[in-house]
Amino acid sequence: MTSFPRSRYDPREGGGLISDGDPGNYDFERLESAVGSLVERHQLLRSANAALRVELSQSGQRIRQLEEQLRDANQRRQDVGKHIDELIAQIDQLDVQFESQGEI
């Protein structure tokens, strides 16, 4: 185990030095406090991680929905474009027919 100098600084006691009383007790209390803080922090991080995973999953689902809507909208746009091309072709045919009938 690590050996400490005869007296150490104790921040809990208003900045005084730790006496030779029972340094082992102080070390275990400090260790217990540090481990408790780490456990608490770990639990908070696990909770945050779980929440972020749920949020990521929901975002992924939303992205898939939006991509599907985008594909559908693009398909409709292409269909409308084809329909407009067909209508223009019909108008052109009618123009040709009217021109040929007018010349008779």
N, C-alpha and C. Protein backbone atom coordinates (compact mmCIF):
# COMPACT_ATOMS: atom_id res chain seq x y z
N MET A 1 0.85 -1.17 0.00
CA MET A 1 0.00 0.00 0.00
C MET A 1 0.89 1.23 0.00
N THR A 2 0.37 2.32 -0.50
CA THR A 2 1.15 3.55 -0.60
C THR A 2 1.37 4.16 0.77
N SER A 3 2.55 4.60 0.99
CA SER A 3 2.87 5.22 2.27
C SER A 3 2.75 6.73 2.12
N PHE A 4 2.18 7.38 3.11
CA PHE A 4 2.00 8.83 3.08
C PHE A 4 2.91 9.48 4.12
N PRO A 5 3.26 10.73 3.89
CA PRO A 5 4.04 11.45 4.90
C PRO A 5 3.27 11.50 6.22
N ARG A 6 3.95 11.86 7.21
CA ARG A 6 3.38 11.88 8.56
C ARG A 6 2.12 12.71 8.66
N SER A 7 2.07 13.88 8.07
CA SER A 7 0.86 14.69 8.12
C SER A 7 0.48 15.09 6.70
N ARG A 8 -0.82 15.09 6.44
CA ARG A 8 -1.33 15.43 5.11
C ARG A 8 -2.38 16.52 5.23
N TYR A 9 -2.62 17.16 4.13
CA TYR A 9 -3.61 18.22 4.07
C TYR A 9 -5.00 17.60 4.00
N ASP A 10 -5.94 18.08 4.79
CA ASP A 10 -7.31 17.57 4.80
C ASP A 10 -8.26 18.69 4.39
N PRO A 11 -8.75 18.69 3.13
CA PRO A 11 -9.62 19.78 2.68
C PRO A 11 -10.98 19.79 3.39
N ARG A 12 -11.39 18.67 3.98
CA ARG A 12 -12.68 18.62 4.68
C ARG A 12 -12.64 19.36 6.00
N GLU A 13 -11.51 19.47 6.58
CA GLU A 13 -11.38 20.05 7.91
C GLU A 13 -10.91 21.50 7.87
N GLY A 14 -11.37 22.26 6.89
CA GLY A 14 -11.03 23.67 6.84
C GLY A 14 -9.58 23.93 6.53
N GLY A 15 -8.93 23.04 5.86
CA GLY A 15 -7.56 23.27 5.44
C GLY A 15 -6.51 22.83 6.43
N GLY A 16 -6.92 22.16 7.50
CA GLY A 16 -5.94 21.72 8.50
C GLY A 16 -5.21 20.48 8.05
N LEU A 17 -4.21 20.12 8.83
CA LEU A 17 -3.46 18.92 8.53
C LEU A 17 -4.09 17.73 9.23
N ILE A 18 -3.96 16.57 8.63
CA ILE A 18 -4.48 15.36 9.26
C ILE A 18 -3.47 14.91 10.29
N SER A 19 -3.99 14.58 11.42
CA SER A 19 -3.09 14.13 12.48
C SER A 19 -2.75 12.67 12.30
N ASP A 20 -1.90 12.19 13.21
CA ASP A 20 -1.48 10.80 13.14
C ASP A 20 -2.54 9.85 13.69
N GLY A 21 -3.71 10.35 14.06
CA GLY A 21 -4.76 9.55 14.66
C GLY A 21 -4.94 8.20 14.00
N ASP A 22 -5.72 8.14 12.92
CA ASP A 22 -5.92 6.90 12.17
C ASP A 22 -6.01 7.26 10.70
N PRO A 23 -4.88 7.39 10.04
CA PRO A 23 -4.91 7.80 8.63
C PRO A 23 -5.63 6.80 7.74
N GLY A 24 -5.69 5.54 8.12
CA GLY A 24 -6.39 4.53 7.32
C GLY A 24 -7.86 4.84 7.21
N ASN A 25 -8.49 5.27 8.29
CA ASN A 25 -9.90 5.63 8.27
C ASN A 25 -10.18 6.73 7.26
N TYR A 26 -9.38 7.76 7.32
CA TYR A 26 -9.57 8.89 6.41
C TYR A 26 -9.43 8.43 4.96
N ASP A 27 -8.45 7.62 4.68
CA ASP A 27 -8.23 7.15 3.31
C ASP A 27 -9.41 6.34 2.81
N PHE A 28 -9.96 5.47 3.67
CA PHE A 28 -11.11 4.66 3.25
C PHE A 28 -12.35 5.51 3.07
N GLU A 29 -12.54 6.50 3.91
CA GLU A 29 -13.68 7.41 3.76
C GLU A 29 -13.57 8.18 2.44
N ARG A 30 -12.38 8.66 2.18
CA ARG A 30 -12.15 9.41 0.94
C ARG A 30 -12.35 8.51 -0.28
N LEU A 31 -11.83 7.29 -0.18
CA LEU A 31 -12.01 6.33 -1.28
C LEU A 31 -13.48 6.00 -1.47
N GLU A 32 -14.17 5.77 -0.36
CA GLU A 32 -15.60 5.47 -0.43
C GLU A 32 -16.36 6.63 -1.06
N SER A 33 -16.02 7.83 -0.69
CA SER A 33 -16.67 9.00 -1.26
C SER A 33 -16.39 9.11 -2.75
N ALA A 34 -15.15 8.88 -3.14
CA ALA A 34 -14.78 8.96 -4.55
C ALA A 34 -15.49 7.88 -5.36
N VAL A 35 -15.53 6.66 -4.82
CA VAL A 35 -16.21 5.57 -5.52
C VAL A 35 -17.71 5.86 -5.61
N GLY A 36 -18.28 6.37 -4.54
CA GLY A 36 -19.70 6.74 -4.57
C GLY A 36 -19.99 7.79 -5.64
N SER A 37 -19.11 8.78 -5.74
CA SER A 37 -19.27 9.81 -6.77
C SER A 37 -19.16 9.21 -8.16
N LEU A 38 -18.19 8.30 -8.32
CA LEU A 38 -18.02 7.65 -9.63
C LEU A 38 -19.24 6.80 -9.99
N VAL A 39 -19.78 6.09 -9.03
CA VAL A 39 -20.96 5.26 -9.28
C VAL A 39 -22.13 6.15 -9.67
N GLU A 40 -22.32 7.22 -8.94
CA GLU A 40 -23.41 8.15 -9.26
C GLU A 40 -23.24 8.73 -10.66
N ARG A 41 -22.03 9.16 -10.97
CA ARG A 41 -21.74 9.72 -12.29
C ARG A 41 -21.96 8.67 -13.38
N HIS A 42 -21.54 7.44 -13.10
CA HIS A 42 -21.72 6.34 -14.05
C HIS A 42 -23.21 6.12 -14.33
N GLN A 43 -24.02 6.11 -13.27
CA GLN A 43 -25.46 5.92 -13.44
C GLN A 43 -26.08 7.06 -14.26
N LEU A 44 -25.65 8.29 -13.99
CA LEU A 44 -26.15 9.43 -14.76
C LEU A 44 -25.77 9.30 -16.23
N LEU A 45 -24.53 8.90 -16.48
CA LEU A 45 -24.08 8.75 -17.87
C LEU A 45 -24.81 7.61 -18.58
N ARG A 46 -25.07 6.52 -17.85
CA ARG A 46 -25.84 5.41 -18.45
C ARG A 46 -27.24 5.87 -18.80
N SER A 47 -27.86 6.66 -17.92
CA SER A 47 -29.20 7.19 -18.19
C SER A 47 -29.17 8.10 -19.42
N ALA A 48 -28.19 8.97 -19.45
CA ALA A 48 -28.06 9.89 -20.59
C ALA A 48 -27.81 9.10 -21.87
N ASN A 49 -26.99 8.07 -21.78
CA ASN A 49 -26.70 7.24 -22.95
C ASN A 49 -27.97 6.55 -23.44
N ALA A 50 -28.76 6.00 -22.52
CA ALA A 50 -30.01 5.33 -22.90
C ALA A 50 -30.96 6.32 -23.57
N ALA A 51 -31.07 7.52 -23.01
CA ALA A 51 -31.94 8.54 -23.59
C ALA A 51 -31.46 8.92 -24.99
N LEU A 52 -30.17 9.05 -25.15
CA LEU A 52 -29.62 9.39 -26.47
C LEU A 52 -29.84 8.27 -27.48
N ARG A 53 -29.76 7.03 -27.02
CA ARG A 53 -30.01 5.90 -27.92
C ARG A 53 -31.47 5.90 -28.39
N VAL A 54 -32.39 6.19 -27.48
CA VAL A 54 -33.81 6.27 -27.85
C VAL A 54 -34.01 7.40 -28.86
N GLU A 55 -33.41 8.54 -28.57
CA GLU A 55 -33.52 9.70 -29.47
C GLU A 55 -32.92 9.37 -30.84
N LEU A 56 -31.80 8.69 -30.86
CA LEU A 56 -31.16 8.31 -32.11
C LEU A 56 -32.06 7.36 -32.91
N SER A 57 -32.66 6.41 -32.21
CA SER A 57 -33.56 5.47 -32.87
C SER A 57 -34.75 6.19 -33.47
N GLN A 58 -35.33 7.11 -32.71
CA GLN A 58 -36.48 7.89 -33.22
C GLN A 58 -36.07 8.74 -34.41
N SER A 59 -34.89 9.33 -34.33
CA SER A 59 -34.40 10.14 -35.44
C SER A 59 -34.19 9.27 -36.68
N GLY A 60 -33.67 8.08 -36.48
CA GLY A 60 -33.47 7.15 -37.60
C GLY A 60 -34.79 6.79 -38.26
N GLN A 61 -35.80 6.53 -37.44
CA GLN A 61 -37.13 6.22 -37.99
C GLN A 61 -37.69 7.40 -38.76
N ARG A 62 -37.53 8.59 -38.20
CA ARG A 62 -38.02 9.80 -38.87
C ARG A 62 -37.29 10.03 -40.19
N ILE A 63 -36.00 9.78 -40.22
CA ILE A 63 -35.22 9.93 -41.44
C ILE A 63 -35.73 8.95 -42.50
N ARG A 64 -35.98 7.70 -42.10
CA ARG A 64 -36.50 6.71 -43.05
C ARG A 64 -37.86 7.14 -43.60
N GLN A 65 -38.73 7.67 -42.74
CA GLN A 65 -40.04 8.14 -43.20
C GLN A 65 -39.89 9.29 -44.20
N LEU A 66 -39.02 10.23 -43.88
CA LEU A 66 -38.81 11.38 -44.76
C LEU A 66 -38.19 10.96 -46.09
N GLU A 67 -37.27 9.99 -46.05
CA GLU A 67 -36.68 9.49 -47.29
C GLU A 67 -37.74 8.83 -48.16
N GLU A 68 -38.64 8.08 -47.53
CA GLU A 68 -39.72 7.44 -48.28
C GLU A 68 -40.65 8.49 -48.88
N GLN A 69 -40.99 9.51 -48.10
CA GLN A 69 -41.83 10.59 -48.62
C GLN A 69 -41.13 11.30 -49.78
N LEU A 70 -39.84 11.50 -49.68
CA LEU A 70 -39.08 12.15 -50.74
C LEU A 70 -39.08 11.30 -52.01
N ARG A 71 -38.89 9.98 -51.84
CA ARG A 71 -38.95 9.09 -53.02
C ARG A 71 -40.33 9.16 -53.67
N ASP A 72 -41.39 9.13 -52.85
CA ASP A 72 -42.75 9.21 -53.38
C ASP A 72 -42.97 10.54 -54.11
N ALA A 73 -42.52 11.63 -53.51
CA ALA A 73 -42.68 12.95 -54.13
C ALA A 73 -41.91 13.02 -55.44
N ASN A 74 -40.71 12.46 -55.49
CA ASN A 74 -39.93 12.45 -56.73
C ASN A 74 -40.62 11.61 -57.80
N GLN A 75 -41.19 10.48 -57.39
CA GLN A 75 -41.90 9.64 -58.36
C GLN A 75 -43.12 10.38 -58.91
N ARG A 76 -43.86 11.05 -58.03
CA ARG A 76 -45.02 11.83 -58.49
C ARG A 76 -44.59 12.94 -59.43
N ARG A 77 -43.48 13.58 -59.10
CA ARG A 77 -42.96 14.66 -59.96
C ARG A 77 -42.61 14.12 -61.34
N GLN A 78 -41.98 12.96 -61.37
CA GLN A 78 -41.64 12.35 -62.66
C GLN A 78 -42.90 11.98 -63.44
N ASP A 79 -43.88 11.42 -62.72
CA ASP A 79 -45.15 11.06 -63.37
C ASP A 79 -45.84 12.29 -63.95
N VAL A 80 -45.85 13.37 -63.18
CA VAL A 80 -46.47 14.62 -63.64
C VAL A 80 -45.71 15.15 -64.85
N GLY A 81 -44.39 15.08 -64.80
CA GLY A 81 -43.57 15.53 -65.94
C GLY A 81 -43.90 14.74 -67.21
N LYS A 82 -44.04 13.42 -67.08
CA LYS A 82 -44.40 12.58 -68.23
C LYS A 82 -45.78 12.95 -68.76
N HIS A 83 -46.72 13.17 -67.83
CA HIS A 83 -48.08 13.52 -68.23
C HIS A 83 -48.09 14.87 -68.97
N ILE A 84 -47.33 15.81 -68.47
CA ILE A 84 -47.25 17.12 -69.13
C ILE A 84 -46.63 16.96 -70.52
N ASP A 85 -45.59 16.14 -70.64
CA ASP A 85 -44.99 15.89 -71.96
C ASP A 85 -46.01 15.28 -72.92
N GLU A 86 -46.83 14.35 -72.42
CA GLU A 86 -47.87 13.74 -73.26
C GLU A 86 -48.90 14.78 -73.69
N LEU A 87 -49.30 15.66 -72.76
CA LEU A 87 -50.26 16.71 -73.11
C LEU A 87 -49.68 17.66 -74.15
N ILE A 88 -48.42 18.01 -74.00
CA ILE A 88 -47.77 18.89 -74.98
C ILE A 88 -47.72 18.21 -76.34
N ALA A 89 -47.43 16.92 -76.33
CA ALA A 89 -47.40 16.18 -77.60
C ALA A 89 -48.78 16.18 -78.24
N GLN A 90 -49.84 16.01 -77.45
CA GLN A 90 -51.21 16.05 -77.99
C GLN A 90 -51.53 17.42 -78.56
N ILE A 91 -51.11 18.48 -77.84
CA ILE A 91 -51.34 19.84 -78.33
C ILE A 91 -50.60 20.04 -79.65
N ASP A 92 -49.38 19.54 -79.74
CA ASP A 92 -48.62 19.66 -80.98
C ASP A 92 -49.34 18.93 -82.12
N GLN A 93 -49.88 17.75 -81.82
CA GLN A 93 -50.62 17.00 -82.84
C GLN A 93 -51.85 17.79 -83.29
N LEU A 94 -52.56 18.38 -82.31
CA LEU A 94 -53.74 19.18 -82.66
C LEU A 94 -53.34 20.38 -83.52
N ASP A 95 -52.23 21.03 -83.20
CA ASP A 95 -51.75 22.15 -84.00
C ASP A 95 -51.49 21.71 -85.44
N VAL A 96 -50.84 20.55 -85.59
CA VAL A 96 -50.54 20.03 -86.92
C VAL A 96 -51.85 19.74 -87.66
N GLN A 97 -52.83 19.14 -86.96
CA GLN A 97 -54.12 18.83 -87.58
C GLN A 97 -54.84 20.11 -88.00
N PHE A 98 -54.86 21.11 -87.15
CA PHE A 98 -55.54 22.37 -87.47
C PHE A 98 -54.86 23.07 -88.64
N GLU A 99 -53.56 23.03 -88.66
CA GLU A 99 -52.82 23.65 -89.77
C GLU A 99 -53.12 22.94 -91.08
N SER A 100 -53.18 21.60 -91.03
CA SER A 100 -53.46 20.84 -92.27
C SER A 100 -54.91 21.03 -92.70
N GLN A 101 -55.82 21.17 -91.76
CA GLN A 101 -57.23 21.38 -92.12
C GLN A 101 -57.44 22.80 -92.67
N GLY A 102 -56.70 23.75 -92.15
CA GLY A 102 -56.81 25.13 -92.61
C GLY A 102 -56.28 25.33 -94.01
N GLU A 103 -55.39 24.49 -94.44
CA GLU A 103 -54.80 24.62 -95.75
C GLU A 103 -55.65 23.95 -96.81
N ILE A 104 -56.59 23.17 -96.44
CA ILE A 104 -57.42 22.45 -97.43
C ILE A 104 -58.37 23.36 -98.11
